[in-house]
All heavy atoms as atom14 arrays in JSON, in Angstrom:
{
  "sequence": "LTVRPPLQRRTREAWNRVLDAGLALLEEGGYEAFTIAAVCDRAGIAPR",
  "atom14_mask": [
    [1, 1, 1, 1, 1, 1, 1, 1, 0, 0, 0, 0, 0, 0],
    [1, 1, 1, 1, 1, 1, 1, 0, 0, 0, 0, 0, 0, 0],
    [1, 1, 1, 1, 1, 1, 1, 0, 0, 0, 0, 0, 0, 0],
    [1, 1, 1, 1, 1, 1, 1, 1, 1, 1, 1, 0, 0, 0],
    [1, 1, 1, 1, 1, 1, 1, 0, 0, 0, 0, 0, 0, 0],
    [1, 1, 1, 1, 1, 1, 1, 0, 0, 0, 0, 0, 0, 0],
    [1, 1, 1, 1, 1, 1, 1, 1, 0, 0, 0, 0, 0, 0],
    [1, 1, 1, 1, 1, 1, 1, 1, 1, 0, 0, 0, 0, 0],
    [1, 1, 1, 1, 1, 1, 1, 1, 1, 1, 1, 0, 0, 0],
    [1, 1, 1, 1, 1, 1, 1, 1, 1, 1, 1, 0, 0, 0],
    [1, 1, 1, 1, 1, 1, 1, 0, 0, 0, 0, 0, 0, 0],
    [1, 1, 1, 1, 1, 1, 1, 1, 1, 1, 1, 0, 0, 0],
    [1, 1, 1, 1, 1, 1, 1, 1, 1, 0, 0, 0, 0, 0],
    [1, 1, 1, 1, 1, 0, 0, 0, 0, 0, 0, 0, 0, 0],
    [1, 1, 1, 1, 1, 1, 1, 1, 1, 1, 1, 1, 1, 1],
    [1, 1, 1, 1, 1, 1, 1, 1, 0, 0, 0, 0, 0, 0],
    [1, 1, 1, 1, 1, 1, 1, 1, 1, 1, 1, 0, 0, 0],
    [1, 1, 1, 1, 1, 1, 1, 0, 0, 0, 0, 0, 0, 0],
    [1, 1, 1, 1, 1, 1, 1, 1, 0, 0, 0, 0, 0, 0],
    [1, 1, 1, 1, 1, 1, 1, 1, 0, 0, 0, 0, 0, 0],
    [1, 1, 1, 1, 1, 0, 0, 0, 0, 0, 0, 0, 0, 0],
    [1, 1, 1, 1, 0, 0, 0, 0, 0, 0, 0, 0, 0, 0],
    [1, 1, 1, 1, 1, 1, 1, 1, 0, 0, 0, 0, 0, 0],
    [1, 1, 1, 1, 1, 0, 0, 0, 0, 0, 0, 0, 0, 0],
    [1, 1, 1, 1, 1, 1, 1, 1, 0, 0, 0, 0, 0, 0],
    [1, 1, 1, 1, 1, 1, 1, 1, 0, 0, 0, 0, 0, 0],
    [1, 1, 1, 1, 1, 1, 1, 1, 1, 0, 0, 0, 0, 0],
    [1, 1, 1, 1, 1, 1, 1, 1, 1, 0, 0, 0, 0, 0],
    [1, 1, 1, 1, 0, 0, 0, 0, 0, 0, 0, 0, 0, 0],
    [1, 1, 1, 1, 0, 0, 0, 0, 0, 0, 0, 0, 0, 0],
    [1, 1, 1, 1, 1, 1, 1, 1, 1, 1, 1, 1, 0, 0],
    [1, 1, 1, 1, 1, 1, 1, 1, 1, 0, 0, 0, 0, 0],
    [1, 1, 1, 1, 1, 0, 0, 0, 0, 0, 0, 0, 0, 0],
    [1, 1, 1, 1, 1, 1, 1, 1, 1, 1, 1, 0, 0, 0],
    [1, 1, 1, 1, 1, 1, 1, 0, 0, 0, 0, 0, 0, 0],
    [1, 1, 1, 1, 1, 1, 1, 1, 0, 0, 0, 0, 0, 0],
    [1, 1, 1, 1, 1, 0, 0, 0, 0, 0, 0, 0, 0, 0],
    [1, 1, 1, 1, 1, 0, 0, 0, 0, 0, 0, 0, 0, 0],
    [1, 1, 1, 1, 1, 1, 1, 0, 0, 0, 0, 0, 0, 0],
    [1, 1, 1, 1, 1, 1, 0, 0, 0, 0, 0, 0, 0, 0],
    [1, 1, 1, 1, 1, 1, 1, 1, 0, 0, 0, 0, 0, 0],
    [1, 1, 1, 1, 1, 1, 1, 1, 1, 1, 1, 0, 0, 0],
    [1, 1, 1, 1, 1, 0, 0, 0, 0, 0, 0, 0, 0, 0],
    [1, 1, 1, 1, 0, 0, 0, 0, 0, 0, 0, 0, 0, 0],
    [1, 1, 1, 1, 1, 1, 1, 1, 0, 0, 0, 0, 0, 0],
    [1, 1, 1, 1, 1, 0, 0, 0, 0, 0, 0, 0, 0, 0],
    [1, 1, 1, 1, 1, 1, 1, 0, 0, 0, 0, 0, 0, 0],
    [1, 1, 1, 1, 1, 1, 1, 1, 1, 1, 1, 0, 0, 0]
  ],
  "atom14_positions": [
    [[4.24, 12.07, -9.44], [3.6, 10.79, -9.52], [4.59, 9.65, -9.67], [4.21, 8.5, -9.76], [2.67, 10.78, -10.73], [1.56, 11.86, -10.74], [0.7, 11.73, -12.01], [0.72, 11.8, -9.51], [0.0, 0.0, 0.0], [0.0, 0.0, 0.0], [0.0, 0.0, 0.0], [0.0, 0.0, 0.0], [0.0, 0.0, 0.0], [0.0, 0.0, 0.0]],
    [[5.85, 9.98, -9.69], [6.89, 8.96, -9.84], [6.89, 8.0, -8.65], [6.79, 8.39, -7.51], [8.28, 9.61, -9.97], [8.28, 10.43, -11.14], [9.38, 8.59, -10.1], [0.0, 0.0, 0.0], [0.0, 0.0, 0.0], [0.0, 0.0, 0.0], [0.0, 0.0, 0.0], [0.0, 0.0, 0.0], [0.0, 0.0, 0.0], [0.0, 0.0, 0.0]],
    [[7.12, 6.71, -8.97], [7.31, 5.68, -7.93], [8.78, 5.34, -7.86], [9.37, 5.02, -8.93], [6.46, 4.44, -8.23], [6.76, 3.36, -7.21], [4.99, 4.78, -8.24], [0.0, 0.0, 0.0], [0.0, 0.0, 0.0], [0.0, 0.0, 0.0], [0.0, 0.0, 0.0], [0.0, 0.0, 0.0], [0.0, 0.0, 0.0], [0.0, 0.0, 0.0]],
    [[9.36, 5.38, -6.71], [10.77, 4.96, -6.54], [10.72, 3.46, -6.22], [10.35, 3.06, -5.08], [11.43, 5.76, -5.4], [11.51, 7.27, -5.72], [12.13, 8.03, -4.58], [11.16, 8.17, -3.45], [10.23, 9.11, -3.37], [10.07, 10.0, -4.35], [9.44, 9.17, -2.32], [0.0, 0.0, 0.0], [0.0, 0.0, 0.0], [0.0, 0.0, 0.0]],
    [[11.13, 2.62, -7.18], [11.01, 1.17, -6.98], [11.92, 0.63, -5.88], [13.05, 1.09, -5.7], [11.42, 0.64, -8.34], [12.29, 1.66, -8.94], [11.77, 2.97, -8.47], [0.0, 0.0, 0.0], [0.0, 0.0, 0.0], [0.0, 0.0, 0.0], [0.0, 0.0, 0.0], [0.0, 0.0, 0.0], [0.0, 0.0, 0.0], [0.0, 0.0, 0.0]],
    [[11.4, -0.29, -5.09], [12.22, -0.91, -4.03], [13.28, -1.81, -4.66], [13.03, -2.48, -5.69], [11.19, -1.72, -3.21], [10.09, -1.99, -4.19], [10.02, -0.82, -5.1], [0.0, 0.0, 0.0], [0.0, 0.0, 0.0], [0.0, 0.0, 0.0], [0.0, 0.0, 0.0], [0.0, 0.0, 0.0], [0.0, 0.0, 0.0], [0.0, 0.0, 0.0]],
    [[14.42, -1.91, -4.01], [15.53, -2.66, -4.61], [15.83, -3.95, -3.86], [16.28, -4.92, -4.45], [16.81, -1.78, -4.62], [16.73, -0.49, -5.41], [18.02, 0.32, -5.31], [16.35, -0.78, -6.89], [0.0, 0.0, 0.0], [0.0, 0.0, 0.0], [0.0, 0.0, 0.0], [0.0, 0.0, 0.0], [0.0, 0.0, 0.0], [0.0, 0.0, 0.0]],
    [[15.53, -3.96, -2.59], [15.82, -5.16, -1.77], [14.59, -6.05, -1.65], [13.46, -5.54, -1.79], [16.32, -4.78, -0.38], [17.6, -3.94, -0.39], [17.99, -3.49, 0.98], [17.21, -3.62, 1.95], [19.25, -3.04, 1.13], [0.0, 0.0, 0.0], [0.0, 0.0, 0.0], [0.0, 0.0, 0.0], [0.0, 0.0, 0.0], [0.0, 0.0, 0.0]],
    [[14.79, -7.33, -1.42], [13.64, -8.23, -1.35], [12.68, -7.85, -0.23], [11.47, -7.83, -0.43], [14.16, -9.69, -1.11], [12.98, -10.67, -1.13], [13.46, -12.1, -0.9], [13.88, -12.29, 0.49], [14.28, -13.46, 0.99], [14.34, -14.52, 0.2], [14.6, -13.58, 2.26], [0.0, 0.0, 0.0], [0.0, 0.0, 0.0], [0.0, 0.0, 0.0]],
    [[13.22, -7.42, 0.93], [12.35, -7.06, 2.07], [11.47, -5.86, 1.69], [10.32, -5.83, 1.99], [13.24, -6.77, 3.29], [12.42, -6.3, 4.47], [13.36, -6.09, 5.68], [14.35, -5.09, 5.34], [14.14, -3.79, 5.44], [12.95, -3.32, 5.79], [15.1, -2.95, 5.18], [0.0, 0.0, 0.0], [0.0, 0.0, 0.0], [0.0, 0.0, 0.0]],
    [[12.09, -4.86, 1.03], [11.28, -3.67, 0.67], [10.37, -3.95, -0.46], [9.27, -3.38, -0.55], [12.23, -2.5, 0.37], [13.15, -2.91, -0.64], [13.0, -2.05, 1.6], [0.0, 0.0, 0.0], [0.0, 0.0, 0.0], [0.0, 0.0, 0.0], [0.0, 0.0, 0.0], [0.0, 0.0, 0.0], [0.0, 0.0, 0.0], [0.0, 0.0, 0.0]],
    [[10.77, -4.89, -1.35], [9.85, -5.26, -2.44], [8.61, -5.95, -1.86], [7.47, -5.74, -2.31], [10.54, -6.18, -3.46], [11.52, -5.44, -4.36], [11.87, -6.28, -5.58], [12.45, -7.58, -5.21], [13.74, -7.8, -5.06], [14.59, -6.79, -5.25], [14.2, -9.0, -4.75], [0.0, 0.0, 0.0], [0.0, 0.0, 0.0], [0.0, 0.0, 0.0]],
    [[8.84, -6.83, -0.88], [7.7, -7.54, -0.28], [6.76, -6.54, 0.46], [5.54, -6.68, 0.36], [8.24, -8.57, 0.7], [8.92, -9.76, -0.02], [9.59, -10.72, 0.98], [9.69, -10.39, 2.19], [10.01, -11.79, 0.54], [0.0, 0.0, 0.0], [0.0, 0.0, 0.0], [0.0, 0.0, 0.0], [0.0, 0.0, 0.0], [0.0, 0.0, 0.0]],
    [[7.35, -5.62, 1.13], [6.56, -4.57, 1.84], [5.75, -3.75, 0.83], [4.56, -3.45, 1.08], [7.45, -3.68, 2.69], [0.0, 0.0, 0.0], [0.0, 0.0, 0.0], [0.0, 0.0, 0.0], [0.0, 0.0, 0.0], [0.0, 0.0, 0.0], [0.0, 0.0, 0.0], [0.0, 0.0, 0.0], [0.0, 0.0, 0.0], [0.0, 0.0, 0.0]],
    [[6.39, -3.39, -0.29], [5.69, -2.6, -1.28], [4.56, -3.35, -1.92], [3.47, -2.86, -2.18], [6.68, -2.08, -2.34], [6.1, -1.22, -3.42], [6.12, -1.46, -4.76], [5.4, 0.02, -3.25], [5.54, -0.46, -5.43], [5.04, 0.49, -4.55], [5.05, 0.78, -2.14], [4.35, 1.66, -4.76], [4.36, 1.95, -2.31], [4.03, 2.39, -3.64]],
    [[4.77, -4.66, -2.13], [3.73, -5.51, -2.7], [2.54, -5.6, -1.74], [1.38, -5.62, -2.17], [4.24, -6.89, -3.02], [5.06, -6.93, -4.31], [4.86, -6.09, -5.19], [5.98, -7.87, -4.41], [0.0, 0.0, 0.0], [0.0, 0.0, 0.0], [0.0, 0.0, 0.0], [0.0, 0.0, 0.0], [0.0, 0.0, 0.0], [0.0, 0.0, 0.0]],
    [[2.84, -5.63, -0.43], [1.73, -5.63, 0.55], [0.95, -4.31, 0.5], [-0.25, -4.28, 0.62], [2.28, -5.83, 1.96], [2.81, -7.25, 2.22], [2.86, -7.55, 3.71], [3.56, -6.57, 4.48], [4.89, -6.6, 4.68], [5.63, -7.55, 4.13], [5.46, -5.67, 5.44], [0.0, 0.0, 0.0], [0.0, 0.0, 0.0], [0.0, 0.0, 0.0]],
    [[1.69, -3.23, 0.28], [1.03, -1.92, 0.14], [0.11, -1.91, -1.06], [-1.04, -1.44, -0.98], [2.08, -0.78, 0.0], [1.44, 0.53, -0.47], [2.83, -0.59, 1.34], [0.0, 0.0, 0.0], [0.0, 0.0, 0.0], [0.0, 0.0, 0.0], [0.0, 0.0, 0.0], [0.0, 0.0, 0.0], [0.0, 0.0, 0.0], [0.0, 0.0, 0.0]],
    [[0.6, -2.41, -2.22], [-0.19, -2.4, -3.44], [-1.44, -3.31, -3.29], [-2.54, -2.93, -3.71], [0.66, -2.87, -4.62], [1.81, -1.94, -5.0], [2.58, -2.56, -6.13], [1.32, -0.57, -5.35], [0.0, 0.0, 0.0], [0.0, 0.0, 0.0], [0.0, 0.0, 0.0], [0.0, 0.0, 0.0], [0.0, 0.0, 0.0], [0.0, 0.0, 0.0]],
    [[-1.24, -4.47, -2.67], [-2.36, -5.41, -2.43], [-3.4, -4.74, -1.49], [-4.63, -4.9, -1.71], [-1.88, -6.7, -1.9], [-1.17, -7.59, -2.92], [-1.36, -7.35, -4.11], [-0.41, -8.49, -2.48], [0.0, 0.0, 0.0], [0.0, 0.0, 0.0], [0.0, 0.0, 0.0], [0.0, 0.0, 0.0], [0.0, 0.0, 0.0], [0.0, 0.0, 0.0]],
    [[-2.87, -4.11, -0.45], [-3.82, -3.47, 0.49], [-4.59, -2.33, -0.18], [-5.8, -2.19, 0.03], [-3.01, -2.92, 1.71], [0.0, 0.0, 0.0], [0.0, 0.0, 0.0], [0.0, 0.0, 0.0], [0.0, 0.0, 0.0], [0.0, 0.0, 0.0], [0.0, 0.0, 0.0], [0.0, 0.0, 0.0], [0.0, 0.0, 0.0], [0.0, 0.0, 0.0]],
    [[-3.9, -1.54, -0.96], [-4.59, -0.42, -1.64], [-5.63, -0.92, -2.59], [-6.74, -0.38, -2.71], [0.0, 0.0, 0.0], [0.0, 0.0, 0.0], [0.0, 0.0, 0.0], [0.0, 0.0, 0.0], [0.0, 0.0, 0.0], [0.0, 0.0, 0.0], [0.0, 0.0, 0.0], [0.0, 0.0, 0.0], [0.0, 0.0, 0.0], [0.0, 0.0, 0.0]],
    [[-5.3, -2.03, -3.31], [-6.29, -2.59, -4.24], [-7.5, -3.12, -3.53], [-8.62, -2.91, -3.96], [-5.59, -3.72, -5.03], [-6.4, -4.39, -6.15], [-6.81, -3.3, -7.21], [-5.56, -5.48, -6.83], [0.0, 0.0, 0.0], [0.0, 0.0, 0.0], [0.0, 0.0, 0.0], [0.0, 0.0, 0.0], [0.0, 0.0, 0.0], [0.0, 0.0, 0.0]],
    [[-7.28, -3.79, -2.39], [-8.4, -4.31, -1.6], [-9.32, -3.19, -1.12], [-10.53, -3.27, -1.18], [-7.89, -5.13, -0.41], [0.0, 0.0, 0.0], [0.0, 0.0, 0.0], [0.0, 0.0, 0.0], [0.0, 0.0, 0.0], [0.0, 0.0, 0.0], [0.0, 0.0, 0.0], [0.0, 0.0, 0.0], [0.0, 0.0, 0.0], [0.0, 0.0, 0.0]],
    [[-8.71, -2.1, -0.64], [-9.5, -0.98, -0.15], [-10.3, -0.34, -1.31], [-11.46, 0.05, -1.15], [-8.57, 0.07, 0.47], [-8.0, -0.26, 1.82], [-6.84, 0.7, 2.19], [-9.1, -0.24, 2.89], [0.0, 0.0, 0.0], [0.0, 0.0, 0.0], [0.0, 0.0, 0.0], [0.0, 0.0, 0.0], [0.0, 0.0, 0.0], [0.0, 0.0, 0.0]],
    [[-9.64, -0.21, -2.46], [-10.29, 0.37, -3.62], [-11.48, -0.5, -4.06], [-12.55, 0.01, -4.4], [-9.29, 0.48, -4.73], [-9.68, 1.32, -6.01], [-9.97, 2.75, -5.58], [-8.59, 1.26, -7.02], [0.0, 0.0, 0.0], [0.0, 0.0, 0.0], [0.0, 0.0, 0.0], [0.0, 0.0, 0.0], [0.0, 0.0, 0.0], [0.0, 0.0, 0.0]],
    [[-11.3, -1.8, -4.06], [-12.39, -2.7, -4.45], [-13.54, -2.71, -3.44], [-14.69, -2.84, -3.79], [-11.84, -4.13, -4.62], [-10.9, -4.26, -5.83], [-10.29, -5.64, -5.91], [-10.35, -6.37, -4.93], [-9.77, -5.96, -7.0], [0.0, 0.0, 0.0], [0.0, 0.0, 0.0], [0.0, 0.0, 0.0], [0.0, 0.0, 0.0], [0.0, 0.0, 0.0]],
    [[-13.21, -2.56, -2.15], [-14.23, -2.66, -1.14], [-14.99, -1.36, -0.93], [-16.21, -1.37, -0.64], [-13.59, -3.1, 0.17], [-13.05, -4.49, 0.17], [-12.17, -4.82, 1.37], [-12.08, -3.96, 2.3], [-11.55, -5.89, 1.41], [0.0, 0.0, 0.0], [0.0, 0.0, 0.0], [0.0, 0.0, 0.0], [0.0, 0.0, 0.0], [0.0, 0.0, 0.0]],
    [[-14.29, -0.22, -0.98], [-14.92, 1.04, -0.65], [-14.76, 2.17, -1.64], [-15.19, 3.28, -1.37], [0.0, 0.0, 0.0], [0.0, 0.0, 0.0], [0.0, 0.0, 0.0], [0.0, 0.0, 0.0], [0.0, 0.0, 0.0], [0.0, 0.0, 0.0], [0.0, 0.0, 0.0], [0.0, 0.0, 0.0], [0.0, 0.0, 0.0], [0.0, 0.0, 0.0]],
    [[-14.12, 1.84, -2.78], [-13.9, 2.94, -3.76], [-12.84, 3.93, -3.34], [-12.16, 3.73, -2.33], [0.0, 0.0, 0.0], [0.0, 0.0, 0.0], [0.0, 0.0, 0.0], [0.0, 0.0, 0.0], [0.0, 0.0, 0.0], [0.0, 0.0, 0.0], [0.0, 0.0, 0.0], [0.0, 0.0, 0.0], [0.0, 0.0, 0.0], [0.0, 0.0, 0.0]],
    [[-12.78, 5.01, -4.05], [-11.73, 6.03, -3.83], [-11.89, 6.66, -2.42], [-10.91, 7.05, -1.81], [-11.81, 7.09, -4.89], [-10.64, 8.09, -4.85], [-9.38, 7.68, -5.24], [-10.81, 9.38, -4.37], [-8.3, 8.54, -5.21], [-9.76, 10.27, -4.36], [-8.51, 9.85, -4.74], [-7.46, 10.72, -4.69], [0.0, 0.0, 0.0], [0.0, 0.0, 0.0]],
    [[-13.12, 6.76, -1.94], [-13.35, 7.38, -0.64], [-12.65, 6.59, 0.49], [-12.29, 7.18, 1.5], [-14.86, 7.44, -0.34], [-15.66, 8.39, -1.24], [-15.91, 7.8, -2.62], [-15.66, 6.57, -2.83], [-16.33, 8.56, -3.54], [0.0, 0.0, 0.0], [0.0, 0.0, 0.0], [0.0, 0.0, 0.0], [0.0, 0.0, 0.0], [0.0, 0.0, 0.0]],
    [[-12.55, 5.29, 0.29], [-11.87, 4.45, 1.35], [-10.35, 4.42, 1.24], [-9.67, 3.91, 2.08], [-12.42, 3.03, 1.25], [0.0, 0.0, 0.0], [0.0, 0.0, 0.0], [0.0, 0.0, 0.0], [0.0, 0.0, 0.0], [0.0, 0.0, 0.0], [0.0, 0.0, 0.0], [0.0, 0.0, 0.0], [0.0, 0.0, 0.0], [0.0, 0.0, 0.0]],
    [[-9.87, 5.05, 0.15], [-8.44, 4.92, -0.16], [-7.7, 6.15, 0.47], [-7.7, 7.25, -0.02], [-8.23, 4.98, -1.68], [-6.81, 4.65, -2.1], [-6.42, 3.38, -2.39], [-5.88, 5.71, -2.25], [-5.12, 3.15, -2.79], [-4.61, 5.44, -2.63], [-4.2, 4.13, -2.92], [0.0, 0.0, 0.0], [0.0, 0.0, 0.0], [0.0, 0.0, 0.0]],
    [[-7.08, 5.86, 1.6], [-6.19, 6.86, 2.26], [-4.88, 6.2, 2.6], [-4.78, 4.95, 2.7], [-6.82, 7.43, 3.56], [-6.89, 6.35, 4.53], [-8.22, 7.97, 3.3], [0.0, 0.0, 0.0], [0.0, 0.0, 0.0], [0.0, 0.0, 0.0], [0.0, 0.0, 0.0], [0.0, 0.0, 0.0], [0.0, 0.0, 0.0], [0.0, 0.0, 0.0]],
    [[-3.84, 7.0, 2.71], [-2.52, 6.43, 3.04], [-2.61, 5.76, 4.43], [-2.03, 4.66, 4.61], [-1.43, 7.53, 3.06], [-1.16, 7.92, 1.59], [-0.17, 7.04, 3.7], [-0.07, 8.96, 1.41], [0.0, 0.0, 0.0], [0.0, 0.0, 0.0], [0.0, 0.0, 0.0], [0.0, 0.0, 0.0], [0.0, 0.0, 0.0], [0.0, 0.0, 0.0]],
    [[-3.31, 6.37, 5.38], [-3.41, 5.73, 6.7], [-4.09, 4.37, 6.58], [-3.69, 3.38, 7.23], [-4.22, 6.67, 7.63], [0.0, 0.0, 0.0], [0.0, 0.0, 0.0], [0.0, 0.0, 0.0], [0.0, 0.0, 0.0], [0.0, 0.0, 0.0], [0.0, 0.0, 0.0], [0.0, 0.0, 0.0], [0.0, 0.0, 0.0], [0.0, 0.0, 0.0]],
    [[-5.2, 4.29, 5.84], [-5.9, 3.02, 5.69], [-5.06, 1.96, 5.0], [-5.11, 0.79, 5.35], [-7.25, 3.24, 4.91], [0.0, 0.0, 0.0], [0.0, 0.0, 0.0], [0.0, 0.0, 0.0], [0.0, 0.0, 0.0], [0.0, 0.0, 0.0], [0.0, 0.0, 0.0], [0.0, 0.0, 0.0], [0.0, 0.0, 0.0], [0.0, 0.0, 0.0]],
    [[-4.33, 2.39, 3.98], [-3.43, 1.47, 3.27], [-2.38, 0.91, 4.22], [-2.11, -0.31, 4.23], [-2.79, 2.15, 2.03], [-1.73, 1.23, 1.46], [-3.86, 2.47, 0.99], [0.0, 0.0, 0.0], [0.0, 0.0, 0.0], [0.0, 0.0, 0.0], [0.0, 0.0, 0.0], [0.0, 0.0, 0.0], [0.0, 0.0, 0.0], [0.0, 0.0, 0.0]],
    [[-1.74, 1.8, 4.97], [-0.71, 1.34, 5.9], [-1.25, 0.41, 6.96], [-0.65, -0.59, 7.29], [-0.09, 2.58, 6.59], [0.9, 3.61, 5.49], [0.0, 0.0, 0.0], [0.0, 0.0, 0.0], [0.0, 0.0, 0.0], [0.0, 0.0, 0.0], [0.0, 0.0, 0.0], [0.0, 0.0, 0.0], [0.0, 0.0, 0.0], [0.0, 0.0, 0.0]],
    [[-2.45, 0.72, 7.46], [-3.08, -0.11, 8.46], [-3.4, -1.51, 7.88], [-3.13, -2.54, 8.5], [-4.35, 0.55, 9.0], [-5.01, -0.24, 10.09], [-4.35, -0.39, 11.16], [-6.11, -0.74, 9.91], [0.0, 0.0, 0.0], [0.0, 0.0, 0.0], [0.0, 0.0, 0.0], [0.0, 0.0, 0.0], [0.0, 0.0, 0.0], [0.0, 0.0, 0.0]],
    [[-3.89, -1.52, 6.65], [-4.29, -2.79, 5.98], [-3.03, -3.61, 5.7], [-3.01, -4.83, 5.79], [-5.04, -2.44, 4.7], [-5.63, -3.66, 3.97], [-6.78, -4.24, 4.74], [-7.48, -5.24, 3.94], [-8.71, -5.04, 3.37], [-9.32, -3.87, 3.56], [-9.3, -5.98, 2.72], [0.0, 0.0, 0.0], [0.0, 0.0, 0.0], [0.0, 0.0, 0.0]],
    [[-1.95, -2.94, 5.3], [-0.7, -3.64, 4.93], [0.17, -4.0, 6.11], [1.11, -4.8, 5.96], [0.08, -2.77, 3.93], [0.0, 0.0, 0.0], [0.0, 0.0, 0.0], [0.0, 0.0, 0.0], [0.0, 0.0, 0.0], [0.0, 0.0, 0.0], [0.0, 0.0, 0.0], [0.0, 0.0, 0.0], [0.0, 0.0, 0.0], [0.0, 0.0, 0.0]],
    [[-0.14, -3.39, 7.27], [0.67, -3.6, 8.44], [2.08, -3.03, 8.38], [3.05, -3.63, 8.82], [0.0, 0.0, 0.0], [0.0, 0.0, 0.0], [0.0, 0.0, 0.0], [0.0, 0.0, 0.0], [0.0, 0.0, 0.0], [0.0, 0.0, 0.0], [0.0, 0.0, 0.0], [0.0, 0.0, 0.0], [0.0, 0.0, 0.0], [0.0, 0.0, 0.0]],
    [[2.15, -1.83, 7.75], [3.46, -1.18, 7.63], [3.37, 0.27, 8.12], [2.25, 0.81, 8.19], [4.02, -1.22, 6.18], [2.96, -0.63, 5.2], [4.29, -2.67, 5.78], [3.25, 0.76, 4.85], [0.0, 0.0, 0.0], [0.0, 0.0, 0.0], [0.0, 0.0, 0.0], [0.0, 0.0, 0.0], [0.0, 0.0, 0.0], [0.0, 0.0, 0.0]],
    [[4.48, 0.89, 8.4], [4.51, 2.29, 8.83], [4.41, 3.19, 7.62], [4.84, 2.83, 6.53], [5.81, 2.57, 9.57], [0.0, 0.0, 0.0], [0.0, 0.0, 0.0], [0.0, 0.0, 0.0], [0.0, 0.0, 0.0], [0.0, 0.0, 0.0], [0.0, 0.0, 0.0], [0.0, 0.0, 0.0], [0.0, 0.0, 0.0], [0.0, 0.0, 0.0]],
    [[3.84, 4.4, 7.8], [3.73, 5.35, 6.68], [5.03, 5.62, 5.97], [5.06, 5.87, 4.77], [3.16, 6.59, 7.33], [2.38, 6.08, 8.49], [3.15, 4.89, 9.0], [0.0, 0.0, 0.0], [0.0, 0.0, 0.0], [0.0, 0.0, 0.0], [0.0, 0.0, 0.0], [0.0, 0.0, 0.0], [0.0, 0.0, 0.0], [0.0, 0.0, 0.0]],
    [[6.15, 5.57, 6.71], [7.41, 5.83, 6.13], [7.73, 4.89, 4.95], [8.38, 5.26, 3.96], [8.54, 5.7, 7.2], [9.96, 5.9, 6.65], [10.12, 7.26, 6.05], [11.44, 7.45, 5.44], [12.51, 7.89, 6.12], [12.41, 8.19, 7.39], [13.66, 8.04, 5.5], [0.0, 0.0, 0.0], [0.0, 0.0, 0.0], [0.0, 0.0, 0.0]]
  ]
}
């Protein structure tokens, strides 16, 4: 469950988009809507 924190500004910004996207999905559709693919699509980032 450990999170490896981003160190650079660019990666911090990308991670914040991930967190915001995940929160939006959770609020809109609950846990059922929360998938890594959906989060990546919402945040506009690659799964990597």
